[in-house]
Every structure is written in structure tokens, then in C-alpha cells.
PDB file of N, CA and C in Angstrom:
ATOM      1  N   UNK A   1     -14.776  15.198  21.549  1.00  0.00           N
ATOM      2  CA  UNK A   1     -14.222  13.859  21.474  1.00  0.00           C
ATOM      3  C   UNK A   1     -13.669  13.603  20.059  1.00  0.00           C
ATOM      4  N   UNK A   2     -12.545  12.941  19.993  1.00  0.00           N
ATOM      5  CA  UNK A   2     -11.917  12.667  18.705  1.00  0.00           C
ATOM      6  C   UNK A   2     -12.639  11.539  17.970  1.00  0.00           C
ATOM      7  N   UNK A   3     -12.596  11.572  16.630  1.00  0.00           N
ATOM      8  CA  UNK A   3     -13.225  10.474  15.899  1.00  0.00           C
ATOM      9  C   UNK A   3     -12.493   9.157  16.161  1.00  0.00           C
ATOM     10  N   UNK A   4     -13.240   8.096  16.248  1.00  0.00           N
ATOM     11  CA  UNK A   4     -12.654   6.804  16.588  1.00  0.00           C
ATOM     12  C   UNK A   4     -11.907   6.147  15.447  1.00  0.00           C
ATOM     13  N   UNK A   5     -11.345   5.001  15.736  1.00  0.00           N
ATOM     14  CA  UNK A   5     -10.578   4.247  14.749  1.00  0.00           C
ATOM     15  C   UNK A   5     -11.464   3.794  13.592  1.00  0.00           C
ATOM     16  N   UNK A   6     -12.729   3.521  13.885  1.00  0.00           N
ATOM     17  CA  UNK A   6     -13.642   3.049  12.842  1.00  0.00           C
ATOM     18  C   UNK A   6     -13.776   4.070  11.722  1.00  0.00           C
ATOM     19  N   UNK A   7     -13.895   5.335  12.086  1.00  0.00           N
ATOM     20  CA  UNK A   7     -14.033   6.397  11.096  1.00  0.00           C
ATOM     21  C   UNK A   7     -12.771   6.493  10.248  1.00  0.00           C
ATOM     22  N   UNK A   8     -11.634   6.436  10.896  1.00  0.00           N
ATOM     23  CA  UNK A   8     -10.361   6.512  10.176  1.00  0.00           C
ATOM     24  C   UNK A   8     -10.201   5.317   9.237  1.00  0.00           C
ATOM     25  N   UNK A   9     -10.550   4.129   9.732  1.00  0.00           N
ATOM     26  CA  UNK A   9     -10.425   2.931   8.913  1.00  0.00           C
ATOM     27  C   UNK A   9     -11.345   2.953   7.704  1.00  0.00           C
ATOM     28  N   UNK A  10     -12.502   3.574   7.861  1.00  0.00           N
ATOM     29  CA  UNK A  10     -13.441   3.679   6.746  1.00  0.00           C
ATOM     30  C   UNK A  10     -12.806   4.523   5.647  1.00  0.00           C
ATOM     31  N   UNK A  11     -12.223   5.654   6.032  1.00  0.00           N
ATOM     32  CA  UNK A  11     -11.554   6.549   5.081  1.00  0.00           C
ATOM     33  C   UNK A  11     -10.396   5.812   4.411  1.00  0.00           C
ATOM     34  N   UNK A  12      -9.655   5.082   5.226  1.00  0.00           N
ATOM     35  CA  UNK A  12      -8.483   4.353   4.758  1.00  0.00           C
ATOM     36  C   UNK A  12      -8.887   3.306   3.723  1.00  0.00           C
ATOM     37  N   UNK A  13      -9.947   2.575   4.016  1.00  0.00           N
ATOM     38  CA  UNK A  13     -10.408   1.551   3.084  1.00  0.00           C
ATOM     39  C   UNK A  13     -10.946   2.156   1.807  1.00  0.00           C
ATOM     40  N   UNK A  14     -11.626   3.289   1.940  1.00  0.00           N
ATOM     41  CA  UNK A  14     -12.215   3.918   0.757  1.00  0.00           C
ATOM     42  C   UNK A  14     -11.153   4.463  -0.182  1.00  0.00           C
ATOM     43  N   UNK A  15     -10.020   4.861   0.366  1.00  0.00           N
ATOM     44  CA  UNK A  15      -8.975   5.412  -0.498  1.00  0.00           C
ATOM     45  C   UNK A  15      -7.944   4.377  -0.916  1.00  0.00           C
ATOM     46  N   UNK A  16      -7.637   3.428  -0.029  1.00  0.00           N
ATOM     47  CA  UNK A  16      -6.574   2.468  -0.331  1.00  0.00           C
ATOM     48  C   UNK A  16      -7.039   1.026  -0.385  1.00  0.00           C
ATOM     49  N   UNK A  17      -8.344   0.809  -0.283  1.00  0.00           N
ATOM     50  CA  UNK A  17      -8.889  -0.547  -0.265  1.00  0.00           C
ATOM     51  C   UNK A  17      -8.851  -1.230  -1.618  1.00  0.00           C
ATOM     52  N   UNK A  18      -9.195  -2.522  -1.599  1.00  0.00           N
ATOM     53  CA  UNK A  18      -9.162  -3.348  -2.801  1.00  0.00           C
ATOM     54  C   UNK A  18     -10.077  -2.805  -3.892  1.00  0.00           C
ATOM     55  N   UNK A  19     -11.315  -2.513  -3.540  1.00  0.00           N
ATOM     56  CA  UNK A  19     -12.277  -2.032  -4.540  1.00  0.00           C
ATOM     57  C   UNK A  19     -11.899  -0.660  -5.076  1.00  0.00           C
ATOM     58  N   UNK A  20     -11.324   0.168  -4.219  1.00  0.00           N
ATOM     59  CA  UNK A  20     -10.874   1.495  -4.650  1.00  0.00           C
ATOM     60  C   UNK A  20      -9.741   1.360  -5.658  1.00  0.00           C
ATOM     61  N   UNK A  21      -8.852   0.409  -5.420  1.00  0.00           N
ATOM     62  CA  UNK A  21      -7.739   0.174  -6.346  1.00  0.00           C
ATOM     63  C   UNK A  21      -8.245  -0.406  -7.666  1.00  0.00           C
ATOM     64  N   UNK A  22      -9.144  -1.362  -7.574  1.00  0.00           N
ATOM     65  CA  UNK A  22      -9.674  -2.022  -8.759  1.00  0.00           C
ATOM     66  C   UNK A  22     -10.378  -1.052  -9.704  1.00  0.00           C
ATOM     67  N   UNK A  23     -10.981  -0.014  -9.141  1.00  0.00           N
ATOM     68  CA  UNK A  23     -11.787   0.894  -9.948  1.00  0.00           C
ATOM     69  C   UNK A  23     -10.959   1.810 -10.842  1.00  0.00           C
ATOM     70  N   UNK A  24      -9.665   1.890 -10.609  1.00  0.00           N
ATOM     71  CA  UNK A  24      -8.816   2.752 -11.430  1.00  0.00           C
ATOM     72  C   UNK A  24      -7.763   1.934 -12.170  1.00  0.00           C
ATOM     73  N   UNK A  25      -7.359   2.458 -13.315  1.00  0.00           N
ATOM     74  CA  UNK A  25      -6.388   1.765 -14.152  1.00  0.00           C
ATOM     75  C   UNK A  25      -5.058   1.562 -13.423  1.00  0.00           C
ATOM     76  N   UNK A  26      -4.589   2.639 -12.798  1.00  0.00           N
ATOM     77  CA  UNK A  26      -3.333   2.570 -12.055  1.00  0.00           C
ATOM     78  C   UNK A  26      -3.421   1.631 -10.869  1.00  0.00           C
ATOM     79  N   UNK A  27      -4.594   1.612 -10.252  1.00  0.00           N
ATOM     80  CA  UNK A  27      -4.815   0.751  -9.092  1.00  0.00           C
ATOM     81  C   UNK A  27      -4.726  -0.720  -9.450  1.00  0.00           C
ATOM     82  N   UNK A  28      -5.243  -1.052 -10.633  1.00  0.00           N
ATOM     83  CA  UNK A  28      -5.174  -2.433 -11.113  1.00  0.00           C
ATOM     84  C   UNK A  28      -3.722  -2.853 -11.284  1.00  0.00           C
ATOM     85  N   UNK A  29      -2.908  -1.932 -11.775  1.00  0.00           N
ATOM     86  CA  UNK A  29      -1.479  -2.204 -11.946  1.00  0.00           C
ATOM     87  C   UNK A  29      -0.819  -2.474 -10.606  1.00  0.00           C
ATOM     88  N   UNK A  30      -1.202  -1.673  -9.599  1.00  0.00           N
ATOM     89  CA  UNK A  30      -0.653  -1.812  -8.252  1.00  0.00           C
ATOM     90  C   UNK A  30      -0.953  -3.211  -7.718  1.00  0.00           C
ATOM     91  N   UNK A  31      -2.211  -3.617  -7.839  1.00  0.00           N
ATOM     92  CA  UNK A  31      -2.629  -4.934  -7.352  1.00  0.00           C
ATOM     93  C   UNK A  31      -1.854  -6.037  -8.072  1.00  0.00           C
ATOM     94  N   UNK A  32      -1.754  -5.902  -9.379  1.00  0.00           N
ATOM     95  CA  UNK A  32      -1.047  -6.877 -10.208  1.00  0.00           C
ATOM     96  C   UNK A  32       0.408  -7.023  -9.760  1.00  0.00           C
ATOM     97  N   UNK A  33       1.062  -5.869  -9.572  1.00  0.00           N
ATOM     98  CA  UNK A  33       2.463  -5.866  -9.134  1.00  0.00           C
ATOM     99  C   UNK A  33       2.637  -6.535  -7.784  1.00  0.00           C
ATOM    100  N   UNK A  34       1.734  -6.213  -6.858  1.00  0.00           N
ATOM    101  CA  UNK A  34       1.831  -6.730  -5.496  1.00  0.00           C
ATOM    102  C   UNK A  34       1.596  -8.239  -5.440  1.00  0.00           C
ATOM    103  N   UNK A  35       0.680  -8.726  -6.284  1.00  0.00           N
ATOM    104  CA  UNK A  35       0.441 -10.169  -6.348  1.00  0.00           C
ATOM    105  C   UNK A  35       1.680 -10.856  -6.924  1.00  0.00           C
ATOM    106  N   UNK A  36       2.226 -10.271  -7.981  1.00  0.00           N
ATOM    107  CA  UNK A  36       3.411 -10.812  -8.640  1.00  0.00           C
ATOM    108  C   UNK A  36       4.594 -10.872  -7.678  1.00  0.00           C
ATOM    109  N   UNK A  37       4.712  -9.848  -6.856  1.00  0.00           N
ATOM    110  CA  UNK A  37       5.798  -9.770  -5.886  1.00  0.00           C
ATOM    111  C   UNK A  37       5.612 -10.772  -4.750  1.00  0.00           C
ATOM    112  N   UNK A  38       4.361 -11.182  -4.555  1.00  0.00           N
ATOM    113  CA  UNK A  38       4.076 -12.171  -3.523  1.00  0.00           C
ATOM    114  C   UNK A  38       3.763 -11.572  -2.171  1.00  0.00           C
ATOM    115  N   UNK A  39       3.183 -10.384  -2.192  1.00  0.00           N
ATOM    116  CA  UNK A  39       2.816  -9.723  -0.934  1.00  0.00           C
ATOM    117  C   UNK A  39       1.716 -10.503  -0.227  1.00  0.00           C
ATOM    118  N   UNK A  40       1.850 -10.600   1.104  1.00  0.00           N
ATOM    119  CA  UNK A  40       0.813 -11.279   1.889  1.00  0.00           C
ATOM    120  C   UNK A  40      -0.464 -10.452   1.866  1.00  0.00           C
ATOM    121  N   UNK A  41      -0.301  -9.122   2.009  1.00  0.00           N
ATOM    122  CA  UNK A  41      -1.443  -8.207   1.946  1.00  0.00           C
ATOM    123  C   UNK A  41      -1.350  -7.400   0.666  1.00  0.00           C
ATOM    124  N   UNK A  42      -2.339  -7.592  -0.201  1.00  0.00           N
ATOM    125  CA  UNK A  42      -2.343  -6.889  -1.480  1.00  0.00           C
ATOM    126  C   UNK A  42      -2.715  -5.426  -1.283  1.00  0.00           C
ATOM    127  N   UNK A  43      -3.757  -5.201  -0.497  1.00  0.00           N
ATOM    128  CA  UNK A  43      -4.181  -3.837  -0.185  1.00  0.00           C
ATOM    129  C   UNK A  43      -4.380  -3.713   1.314  1.00  0.00           C
ATOM    130  N   UNK A  44      -4.811  -2.511   1.750  1.00  0.00           N
ATOM    131  CA  UNK A  44      -5.091  -2.249   3.163  1.00  0.00           C
ATOM    132  C   UNK A  44      -6.039  -3.304   3.674  1.00  0.00           C
TER     133      UNK A  44
END
């Protein structure tokens, strides 16, 4: 049986999520840029 959506989403959040972005210098820049641009969704 294939892994479900929950498993994939966990991986997705861990790599592209808000806390994952915040923890790195480049990630903070990404968040800053996206907020400045006015994105509805800042991260995954």
C-alpha cells in the first residue's frame, strides 16, 4: 500500500513549513519577501 497524504504532508511541512523557513537565514528572507509582496499564503 502506498503512503498516504498525511505522510507526504508531514514531509512537505518539515521542509517547506513556516518553522522550517524561520530556522534558516535564507528562509527568513523568503518569508519577509512573501509578506512584503502580499502573498495570502506565506508558506506551505
